[in-house]
PDB file of N, CA and C in Angstrom:
ATOM      1  N   ASP A   1       0.672  11.749 -29.908  1.00  0.00           N
ATOM      2  CA  ASP A   1      -0.775  11.835 -29.844  1.00  0.00           C
ATOM      3  C   ASP A   1      -1.375  10.876 -28.809  1.00  0.00           C
ATOM      4  N   ASN A   2      -0.635   9.805 -28.472  1.00  0.00           N
ATOM      5  CA  ASN A   2      -1.166   8.814 -27.539  1.00  0.00           C
ATOM      6  C   ASN A   2      -0.818   9.102 -26.092  1.00  0.00           C
ATOM      7  N   ILE A   3      -0.154  10.212 -25.832  1.00  0.00           N
ATOM      8  CA  ILE A   3       0.252  10.540 -24.470  1.00  0.00           C
ATOM      9  C   ILE A   3      -0.608  11.689 -23.958  1.00  0.00           C
ATOM     10  N   SER A   4      -1.113  11.523 -22.739  1.00  0.00           N
ATOM     11  CA  SER A   4      -1.879  12.604 -22.124  1.00  0.00           C
ATOM     12  C   SER A   4      -1.222  13.011 -20.816  1.00  0.00           C
ATOM     13  N   LEU A   5      -1.451  14.229 -20.404  1.00  0.00           N
ATOM     14  CA  LEU A   5      -0.868  14.768 -19.196  1.00  0.00           C
ATOM     15  C   LEU A   5      -1.358  13.980 -17.988  1.00  0.00           C
ATOM     16  N   ALA A   6      -0.437  13.669 -17.092  1.00  0.00           N
ATOM     17  CA  ALA A   6      -0.789  12.953 -15.864  1.00  0.00           C
ATOM     18  C   ALA A   6       0.086  13.476 -14.734  1.00  0.00           C
ATOM     19  N   TYR A   7      -0.290  13.135 -13.522  1.00  0.00           N
ATOM     20  CA  TYR A   7       0.455  13.551 -12.348  1.00  0.00           C
ATOM     21  C   TYR A   7       0.834  12.327 -11.539  1.00  0.00           C
ATOM     22  N   ALA A   8       1.963  12.411 -10.875  1.00  0.00           N
ATOM     23  CA  ALA A   8       2.421  11.299 -10.049  1.00  0.00           C
ATOM     24  C   ALA A   8       1.854  11.423  -8.643  1.00  0.00           C
ATOM     25  N   ILE A   9       1.442  10.294  -8.090  1.00  0.00           N
ATOM     26  CA  ILE A   9       1.052  10.247  -6.691  1.00  0.00           C
ATOM     27  C   ILE A   9       1.714   9.034  -6.060  1.00  0.00           C
ATOM     28  N   SER A  10       1.782   9.021  -4.757  1.00  0.00           N
ATOM     29  CA  SER A  10       2.422   7.903  -4.069  1.00  0.00           C
ATOM     30  C   SER A  10       1.510   6.674  -4.104  1.00  0.00           C
ATOM     31  N   ILE A  11       2.110   5.530  -3.914  1.00  0.00           N
ATOM     32  CA  ILE A  11       1.340   4.282  -3.852  1.00  0.00           C
ATOM     33  C   ILE A  11       0.365   4.348  -2.691  1.00  0.00           C
ATOM     34  N   HIS A  12       0.821   4.869  -1.553  1.00  0.00           N
ATOM     35  CA  HIS A  12      -0.046   4.954  -0.384  1.00  0.00           C
ATOM     36  C   HIS A  12      -1.255   5.846  -0.651  1.00  0.00           C
ATOM     37  N   LYS A  13      -1.030   6.951  -1.313  1.00  0.00           N
ATOM     38  CA  LYS A  13      -2.122   7.886  -1.609  1.00  0.00           C
ATOM     39  C   LYS A  13      -3.110   7.278  -2.617  1.00  0.00           C
ATOM     40  N   SER A  14      -2.636   6.341  -3.435  1.00  0.00           N
ATOM     41  CA  SER A  14      -3.494   5.756  -4.467  1.00  0.00           C
ATOM     42  C   SER A  14      -4.375   4.628  -3.951  1.00  0.00           C
ATOM     43  N   GLN A  15      -4.187   4.195  -2.708  1.00  0.00           N
ATOM     44  CA  GLN A  15      -4.979   3.079  -2.202  1.00  0.00           C
ATOM     45  C   GLN A  15      -6.467   3.391  -2.313  1.00  0.00           C
ATOM     46  N   GLY A  16      -7.203   2.424  -2.810  1.00  0.00           N
ATOM     47  CA  GLY A  16      -8.628   2.591  -3.000  1.00  0.00           C
ATOM     48  C   GLY A  16      -8.998   3.172  -4.351  1.00  0.00           C
ATOM     49  N   SER A  17      -8.000   3.545  -5.150  1.00  0.00           N
ATOM     50  CA  SER A  17      -8.254   4.116  -6.471  1.00  0.00           C
ATOM     51  C   SER A  17      -7.795   3.160  -7.555  1.00  0.00           C
ATOM     52  N   GLU A  18      -8.287   3.383  -8.764  1.00  0.00           N
ATOM     53  CA  GLU A  18      -7.844   2.621  -9.928  1.00  0.00           C
ATOM     54  C   GLU A  18      -7.517   3.591 -11.055  1.00  0.00           C
ATOM     55  N   PHE A  19      -6.547   3.191 -11.886  1.00  0.00           N
ATOM     56  CA  PHE A  19      -6.121   4.010 -13.008  1.00  0.00           C
ATOM     57  C   PHE A  19      -5.970   3.108 -14.227  1.00  0.00           C
ATOM     58  N   ASP A  20      -6.201   3.646 -15.426  1.00  0.00           N
ATOM     59  CA  ASP A  20      -6.084   2.838 -16.636  1.00  0.00           C
ATOM     60  C   ASP A  20      -4.683   2.249 -16.781  1.00  0.00           C
ATOM     61  N   ILE A  21      -3.681   3.090 -16.621  1.00  0.00           N
ATOM     62  CA  ILE A  21      -2.292   2.662 -16.764  1.00  0.00           C
ATOM     63  C   ILE A  21      -1.504   3.158 -15.555  1.00  0.00           C
ATOM     64  N   VAL A  22      -0.687   2.282 -14.989  1.00  0.00           N
ATOM     65  CA  VAL A  22       0.142   2.642 -13.842  1.00  0.00           C
ATOM     66  C   VAL A  22       1.596   2.394 -14.207  1.00  0.00           C
ATOM     67  N   VAL A  23       2.434   3.403 -13.998  1.00  0.00           N
ATOM     68  CA  VAL A  23       3.876   3.286 -14.208  1.00  0.00           C
ATOM     69  C   VAL A  23       4.528   3.304 -12.834  1.00  0.00           C
ATOM     70  N   ILE A  24       5.280   2.247 -12.524  1.00  0.00           N
ATOM     71  CA  ILE A  24       5.873   2.097 -11.198  1.00  0.00           C
ATOM     72  C   ILE A  24       7.391   2.112 -11.319  1.00  0.00           C
ATOM     73  N   PRO A  25       8.049   3.102 -10.713  1.00  0.00           N
ATOM     74  CA  PRO A  25       9.512   3.083 -10.694  1.00  0.00           C
ATOM     75  C   PRO A  25       9.991   2.085  -9.636  1.00  0.00           C
ATOM     76  N   ILE A  26      10.877   1.209 -10.026  1.00  0.00           N
ATOM     77  CA  ILE A  26      11.435   0.218  -9.110  1.00  0.00           C
ATOM     78  C   ILE A  26      12.835   0.697  -8.743  1.00  0.00           C
ATOM     79  N   ILE A  27      12.974   1.162  -7.501  1.00  0.00           N
ATOM     80  CA  ILE A  27      14.240   1.738  -7.061  1.00  0.00           C
ATOM     81  C   ILE A  27      14.727   1.053  -5.793  1.00  0.00           C
ATOM     82  N   ALA A  28      15.981   1.287  -5.458  1.00  0.00           N
ATOM     83  CA  ALA A  28      16.532   0.801  -4.191  1.00  0.00           C
ATOM     84  C   ALA A  28      16.093   1.755  -3.096  1.00  0.00           C
ATOM     85  N   GLY A  29      15.974   1.250  -1.885  1.00  0.00           N
ATOM     86  CA  GLY A  29      15.580   2.099  -0.776  1.00  0.00           C
ATOM     87  C   GLY A  29      15.519   1.317   0.515  1.00  0.00           C
ATOM     88  N   ALA A  30      14.902   1.915   1.508  1.00  0.00           N
ATOM     89  CA  ALA A  30      14.817   1.311   2.839  1.00  0.00           C
ATOM     90  C   ALA A  30      14.005   0.022   2.798  1.00  0.00           C
ATOM     91  N   ARG A  31      14.523  -1.016   3.406  1.00  0.00           N
ATOM     92  CA  ARG A  31      13.885  -2.332   3.416  1.00  0.00           C
ATOM     93  C   ARG A  31      12.498  -2.281   4.061  1.00  0.00           C
ATOM     94  N   MET A  32      12.340  -1.442   5.065  1.00  0.00           N
ATOM     95  CA  MET A  32      11.059  -1.360   5.770  1.00  0.00           C
ATOM     96  C   MET A  32       9.945  -0.824   4.876  1.00  0.00           C
ATOM     97  N   ILE A  33      10.309  -0.066   3.855  1.00  0.00           N
ATOM     98  CA  ILE A  33       9.302   0.557   2.991  1.00  0.00           C
ATOM     99  C   ILE A  33       9.063  -0.253   1.724  1.00  0.00           C
ATOM    100  N   LEU A  34      10.122  -0.732   1.113  1.00  0.00           N
ATOM    101  CA  LEU A  34      10.010  -1.418  -0.174  1.00  0.00           C
ATOM    102  C   LEU A  34       9.706  -2.898   0.041  1.00  0.00           C
ATOM    103  N   THR A  35       8.425  -3.195   0.232  1.00  0.00           N
ATOM    104  CA  THR A  35       7.992  -4.539   0.590  1.00  0.00           C
ATOM    105  C   THR A  35       7.102  -5.154  -0.476  1.00  0.00           C
ATOM    106  N   ARG A  36       6.848  -6.426  -0.305  1.00  0.00           N
ATOM    107  CA  ARG A  36       5.934  -7.163  -1.181  1.00  0.00           C
ATOM    108  C   ARG A  36       4.549  -6.530  -1.170  1.00  0.00           C
ATOM    109  N   ASN A  37       4.079  -6.113   0.004  1.00  0.00           N
ATOM    110  CA  ASN A  37       2.755  -5.489   0.105  1.00  0.00           C
ATOM    111  C   ASN A  37       2.677  -4.201  -0.702  1.00  0.00           C
ATOM    112  N   LEU A  38       3.760  -3.424  -0.712  1.00  0.00           N
ATOM    113  CA  LEU A  38       3.770  -2.164  -1.444  1.00  0.00           C
ATOM    114  C   LEU A  38       3.681  -2.408  -2.950  1.00  0.00           C
ATOM    115  N   ILE A  39       4.460  -3.356  -3.463  1.00  0.00           N
ATOM    116  CA  ILE A  39       4.432  -3.628  -4.910  1.00  0.00           C
ATOM    117  C   ILE A  39       3.064  -4.216  -5.294  1.00  0.00           C
ATOM    118  N   TYR A  40       2.482  -5.027  -4.430  1.00  0.00           N
ATOM    119  CA  TYR A  40       1.151  -5.580  -4.685  1.00  0.00           C
ATOM    120  C   TYR A  40       0.125  -4.454  -4.790  1.00  0.00           C
ATOM    121  N   THR A  41       0.155  -3.528  -3.839  1.00  0.00           N
ATOM    122  CA  THR A  41      -0.770  -2.401  -3.860  1.00  0.00           C
ATOM    123  C   THR A  41      -0.608  -1.589  -5.136  1.00  0.00           C
ATOM    124  N   ALA A  42       0.643  -1.343  -5.517  1.00  0.00           N
ATOM    125  CA  ALA A  42       0.909  -0.550  -6.722  1.00  0.00           C
ATOM    126  C   ALA A  42       0.363  -1.242  -7.970  1.00  0.00           C
ATOM    127  N   VAL A  43       0.639  -2.512  -8.111  1.00  0.00           N
ATOM    128  CA  VAL A  43       0.224  -3.254  -9.304  1.00  0.00           C
ATOM    129  C   VAL A  43      -1.297  -3.351  -9.394  1.00  0.00           C
ATOM    130  N   THR A  44      -1.955  -3.509  -8.264  1.00  0.00           N
ATOM    131  CA  THR A  44      -3.414  -3.678  -8.290  1.00  0.00           C
ATOM    132  C   THR A  44      -4.168  -2.368  -8.488  1.00  0.00           C
ATOM    133  N   ARG A  45      -3.494  -1.259  -8.623  1.00  0.00           N
ATOM    134  CA  ARG A  45      -4.157   0.019  -8.924  1.00  0.00           C
ATOM    135  C   ARG A  45      -4.495   0.125 -10.401  1.00  0.00           C
ATOM    136  N   ALA A  46      -3.869  -0.694 -11.252  1.00  0.00           N
ATOM    137  CA  ALA A  46      -4.037  -0.579 -12.705  1.00  0.00           C
ATOM    138  C   ALA A  46      -5.252  -1.357 -13.195  1.00  0.00           C
ATOM    139  N   LYS A  47      -6.039  -0.725 -14.079  1.00  0.00           N
ATOM    140  CA  LYS A  47      -7.168  -1.402 -14.720  1.00  0.00           C
ATOM    141  C   LYS A  47      -6.714  -2.165 -15.960  1.00  0.00           C
ATOM    142  N   ASN A  48      -5.840  -1.540 -16.764  1.00  0.00           N
ATOM    143  CA  ASN A  48      -5.485  -2.123 -18.059  1.00  0.00           C
ATOM    144  C   ASN A  48      -4.015  -2.474 -18.233  1.00  0.00           C
ATOM    145  N   MET A  49      -3.118  -1.668 -17.670  1.00  0.00           N
ATOM    146  CA  MET A  49      -1.699  -1.900 -17.936  1.00  0.00           C
ATOM    147  C   MET A  49      -0.835  -1.430 -16.769  1.00  0.00           C
ATOM    148  N   VAL A  50       0.199  -2.207 -16.489  1.00  0.00           N
ATOM    149  CA  VAL A  50       1.217  -1.835 -15.503  1.00  0.00           C
ATOM    150  C   VAL A  50       2.558  -1.809 -16.214  1.00  0.00           C
ATOM    151  N   VAL A  51       3.316  -0.755 -15.990  1.00  0.00           N
ATOM    152  CA  VAL A  51       4.661  -0.642 -16.548  1.00  0.00           C
ATOM    153  C   VAL A  51       5.632  -0.509 -15.369  1.00  0.00           C
ATOM    154  N   LEU A  52       6.534  -1.465 -15.237  1.00  0.00           N
ATOM    155  CA  LEU A  52       7.559  -1.416 -14.198  1.00  0.00           C
ATOM    156  C   LEU A  52       8.838  -0.895 -14.832  1.00  0.00           C
ATOM    157  N   VAL A  53       9.406   0.162 -14.249  1.00  0.00           N
ATOM    158  CA  VAL A  53      10.613   0.773 -14.785  1.00  0.00           C
ATOM    159  C   VAL A  53      11.684   0.702 -13.716  1.00  0.00           C
ATOM    160  N   GLY A  54      12.783   0.033 -14.019  1.00  0.00           N
ATOM    161  CA  GLY A  54      13.859  -0.037 -13.041  1.00  0.00           C
ATOM    162  C   GLY A  54      14.620  -1.331 -13.121  1.00  0.00           C
ATOM    163  N   ASP A  55      15.250  -1.661 -12.008  1.00  0.00           N
ATOM    164  CA  ASP A  55      16.157  -2.793 -11.925  1.00  0.00           C
ATOM    165  C   ASP A  55      15.423  -4.060 -11.462  1.00  0.00           C
ATOM    166  N   LYS A  56      15.588  -5.150 -12.199  1.00  0.00           N
ATOM    167  CA  LYS A  56      14.935  -6.412 -11.837  1.00  0.00           C
ATOM    168  C   LYS A  56      15.368  -6.897 -10.460  1.00  0.00           C
ATOM    169  N   GLN A  57      16.610  -6.647 -10.109  1.00  0.00           N
ATOM    170  CA  GLN A  57      17.115  -7.088  -8.805  1.00  0.00           C
ATOM    171  C   GLN A  57      16.373  -6.369  -7.665  1.00  0.00           C
ATOM    172  N   ASN A  58      16.088  -5.088  -7.827  1.00  0.00           N
ATOM    173  CA  ASN A  58      15.326  -4.368  -6.807  1.00  0.00           C
ATOM    174  C   ASN A  58      13.896  -4.885  -6.716  1.00  0.00           C
ATOM    175  N   LEU A  59      13.292  -5.223  -7.852  1.00  0.00           N
ATOM    176  CA  LEU A  59      11.955  -5.811  -7.852  1.00  0.00           C
ATOM    177  C   LEU A  59      11.979  -7.152  -7.129  1.00  0.00           C
ATOM    178  N   ARG A  60      12.977  -7.951  -7.394  1.00  0.00           N
ATOM    179  CA  ARG A  60      13.122  -9.254  -6.729  1.00  0.00           C
ATOM    180  C   ARG A  60      13.221  -9.072  -5.217  1.00  0.00           C
ATOM    181  N   ARG A  61      13.994  -8.059  -4.785  1.00  0.00           N
ATOM    182  CA  ARG A  61      14.129  -7.779  -3.345  1.00  0.00           C
ATOM    183  C   ARG A  61      12.777  -7.418  -2.733  1.00  0.00           C
ATOM    184  N   MET A  62      12.006  -6.602  -3.446  1.00  0.00           N
ATOM    185  CA  MET A  62      10.694  -6.214  -2.929  1.00  0.00           C
ATOM    186  C   MET A  62       9.772  -7.423  -2.812  1.00  0.00           C
ATOM    187  N   ILE A  63       9.755  -8.250  -3.824  1.00  0.00           N
ATOM    188  CA  ILE A  63       8.881  -9.425  -3.819  1.00  0.00           C
ATOM    189  C   ILE A  63       9.258 -10.377  -2.688  1.00  0.00           C
ATOM    190  N   ASN A  64      10.532 -10.515  -2.419  1.00  0.00           N
ATOM    191  CA  ASN A  64      10.997 -11.413  -1.364  1.00  0.00           C
ATOM    192  C   ASN A  64      10.906 -10.794   0.031  1.00  0.00           C
ATOM    193  N   ASN A  65      10.629  -9.511   0.123  1.00  0.00           N
ATOM    194  CA  ASN A  65      10.588  -8.813   1.405  1.00  0.00           C
ATOM    195  C   ASN A  65       9.157  -8.805   1.948  1.00  0.00           C
ATOM    196  N   ASN A  66       8.862  -9.694   2.880  1.00  0.00           N
ATOM    197  CA  ASN A  66       7.513  -9.759   3.448  1.00  0.00           C
ATOM    198  C   ASN A  66       7.459  -9.104   4.830  1.00  0.00           C
ATOM    199  N   TYR A  67       8.324  -8.129   5.064  1.00  0.00           N
ATOM    200  CA  TYR A  67       8.363  -7.394   6.327  1.00  0.00           C
ATOM    201  C   TYR A  67       7.018  -6.702   6.568  1.00  0.00           C
ATOM    202  N   THR A  68       6.521  -6.828   7.772  1.00  0.00           N
ATOM    203  CA  THR A  68       5.306  -6.128   8.175  1.00  0.00           C
ATOM    204  C   THR A  68       5.571  -5.470   9.512  1.00  0.00           C
ATOM    205  N   ALA A  69       5.353  -4.180   9.577  1.00  0.00           N
ATOM    206  CA  ALA A  69       5.569  -3.447  10.825  1.00  0.00           C
ATOM    207  C   ALA A  69       4.471  -3.793  11.813  1.00  0.00           C
ATOM    208  N   VAL A  70       4.849  -3.912  13.075  1.00  0.00           N
ATOM    209  CA  VAL A  70       3.871  -4.107  14.133  1.00  0.00           C
ATOM    210  C   VAL A  70       3.254  -2.747  14.442  1.00  0.00           C
ATOM    211  N   ARG A  71       1.954  -2.690  14.397  1.00  0.00           N
ATOM    212  CA  ARG A  71       1.257  -1.428  14.630  1.00  0.00           C
ATOM    213  C   ARG A  71       0.709  -1.402  16.048  1.00  0.00           C
ATOM    214  N   LEU A  72       1.113  -0.418  16.791  1.00  0.00           N
ATOM    215  CA  LEU A  72       0.685  -0.279  18.176  1.00  0.00           C
ATOM    216  C   LEU A  72      -0.406   0.794  18.242  1.00  0.00           C
ATOM    217  N   THR A  73      -1.622   0.409  17.884  1.00  0.00           N
ATOM    218  CA  THR A  73      -2.709   1.376  17.786  1.00  0.00           C
ATOM    219  C   THR A  73      -3.600   1.414  19.018  1.00  0.00           C
ATOM    220  N   MET A  74      -3.557   0.390  19.848  1.00  0.00           N
ATOM    221  CA  MET A  74      -4.447   0.255  21.005  1.00  0.00           C
ATOM    222  C   MET A  74      -5.906   0.138  20.585  1.00  0.00           C
ATOM    223  N   LEU A  75      -6.158  -0.207  19.321  1.00  0.00           N
ATOM    224  CA  LEU A  75      -7.523  -0.305  18.820  1.00  0.00           C
ATOM    225  C   LEU A  75      -8.334  -1.336  19.601  1.00  0.00           C
ATOM    226  N   GLU A  76      -7.753  -2.483  19.871  1.00  0.00           N
ATOM    227  CA  GLU A  76      -8.473  -3.527  20.601  1.00  0.00           C
ATOM    228  C   GLU A  76      -8.910  -3.035  21.981  1.00  0.00           C
ATOM    229  N   GLU A  77      -8.030  -2.314  22.667  1.00  0.00           N
ATOM    230  CA  GLU A  77      -8.365  -1.782  23.992  1.00  0.00           C
ATOM    231  C   GLU A  77      -9.499  -0.765  23.907  1.00  0.00           C
ATOM    232  N   PHE A  78      -9.461   0.109  22.896  1.00  0.00           N
ATOM    233  CA  PHE A  78     -10.519   1.101  22.730  1.00  0.00           C
ATOM    234  C   PHE A  78     -11.865   0.438  22.460  1.00  0.00           C
ATOM    235  N   ILE A  79     -11.871  -0.608  21.661  1.00  0.00           N
ATOM    236  CA  ILE A  79     -13.116  -1.321  21.356  1.00  0.00           C
ATOM    237  C   ILE A  79     -13.672  -1.971  22.611  1.00  0.00           C
ATOM    238  N   LYS A  80     -12.814  -2.627  23.388  1.00  0.00           N
ATOM    239  CA  LYS A  80     -13.264  -3.266  24.631  1.00  0.00           C
ATOM    240  C   LYS A  80     -13.820  -2.226  25.600  1.00  0.00           C
ATOM    241  N   GLN A  81     -13.132  -1.096  25.706  1.00  0.00           N
ATOM    242  CA  GLN A  81     -13.580  -0.035  26.600  1.00  0.00           C
ATOM    243  C   GLN A  81     -14.943   0.497  26.154  1.00  0.00           C
ATOM    244  N   ASN A  82     -15.105   0.679  24.862  1.00  0.00           N
ATOM    245  CA  ASN A  82     -16.373   1.164  24.314  1.00  0.00           C
ATOM    246  C   ASN A  82     -17.484   0.146  24.557  1.00  0.00           C
ATOM    247  N   ASP A  83     -17.179  -1.145  24.345  1.00  0.00           N
ATOM    248  CA  ASP A  83     -18.177  -2.194  24.594  1.00  0.00           C
ATOM    249  C   ASP A  83     -18.623  -2.185  26.047  1.00  0.00           C
ATOM    250  N   ASN A  84     -17.669  -2.021  26.965  1.00  0.00           N
ATOM    251  CA  ASN A  84     -18.001  -1.995  28.396  1.00  0.00           C
ATOM    252  C   ASN A  84     -18.870  -0.788  28.730  1.00  0.00           C
ATOM    253  N   GLN A  85     -18.599   0.354  28.133  1.00  0.00           N
ATOM    254  CA  GLN A  85     -19.406   1.549  28.380  1.00  0.00           C
ATOM    255  C   GLN A  85     -20.832   1.359  27.858  1.00  0.00           C
ATOM    256  N   ILE A  86     -20.971   0.712  26.714  1.00  0.00           N
ATOM    257  CA  ILE A  86     -22.302   0.459  26.149  1.00  0.00           C
ATOM    258  C   ILE A  86     -23.060  -0.517  27.031  1.00  0.00           C
ATOM    259  N   LYS A  87     -22.387  -1.566  27.517  1.00  0.00           N
ATOM    260  CA  LYS A  87     -23.037  -2.527  28.416  1.00  0.00           C
ATOM    261  C   LYS A  87     -23.516  -1.843  29.686  1.00  0.00           C
ATOM    262  N   ASP A  88     -22.681  -0.954  30.229  1.00  0.00           N
ATOM    263  CA  ASP A  88     -23.044  -0.241  31.452  1.00  0.00           C
ATOM    264  C   ASP A  88     -24.283   0.633  31.240  1.00  0.00           C
ATOM    265  N   MET A  89     -24.436   1.172  30.054  1.00  0.00           N
ATOM    266  CA  MET A  89     -25.591   2.039  29.775  1.00  0.00           C
ATOM    267  C   MET A  89     -26.898   1.261  29.812  1.00  0.00           C
ATOM    268  N   PHE A  90     -26.864  -0.034  29.478  1.00  0.00           N
ATOM    269  CA  PHE A  90     -28.089  -0.827  29.380  1.00  0.00           C
ATOM    270  C   PHE A  90     -28.311  -1.724  30.591  1.00  0.00           C
ATOM    271  N   GLU A  91     -27.472  -1.612  31.582  1.00  0.00           N
ATOM    272  CA  GLU A  91     -27.662  -2.454  32.790  1.00  0.00           C
ATOM    273  C   GLU A  91     -28.376  -1.708  33.873  1.00  0.00           C
TER     274      GLU A  91
END
């Protein structure tokens, strides 16, 4: 009686959302993906309860893994270019 139907979504897809209860499978996988930031994001989605299911050693690996990918977005260049275009419009 205490269980209701739910659907699984990825941690990435859940960003910006909150749920009453979050169940997180802790599995082995690629080091680049299973990071401290990912487990933090997953845990902070829960309003009331977090349930971690899996191996403590894999959780320990995730917590100790502070890998961050370098993102090559060129965002800074686009902003500078846009600023220069706006300045040119008012000169």
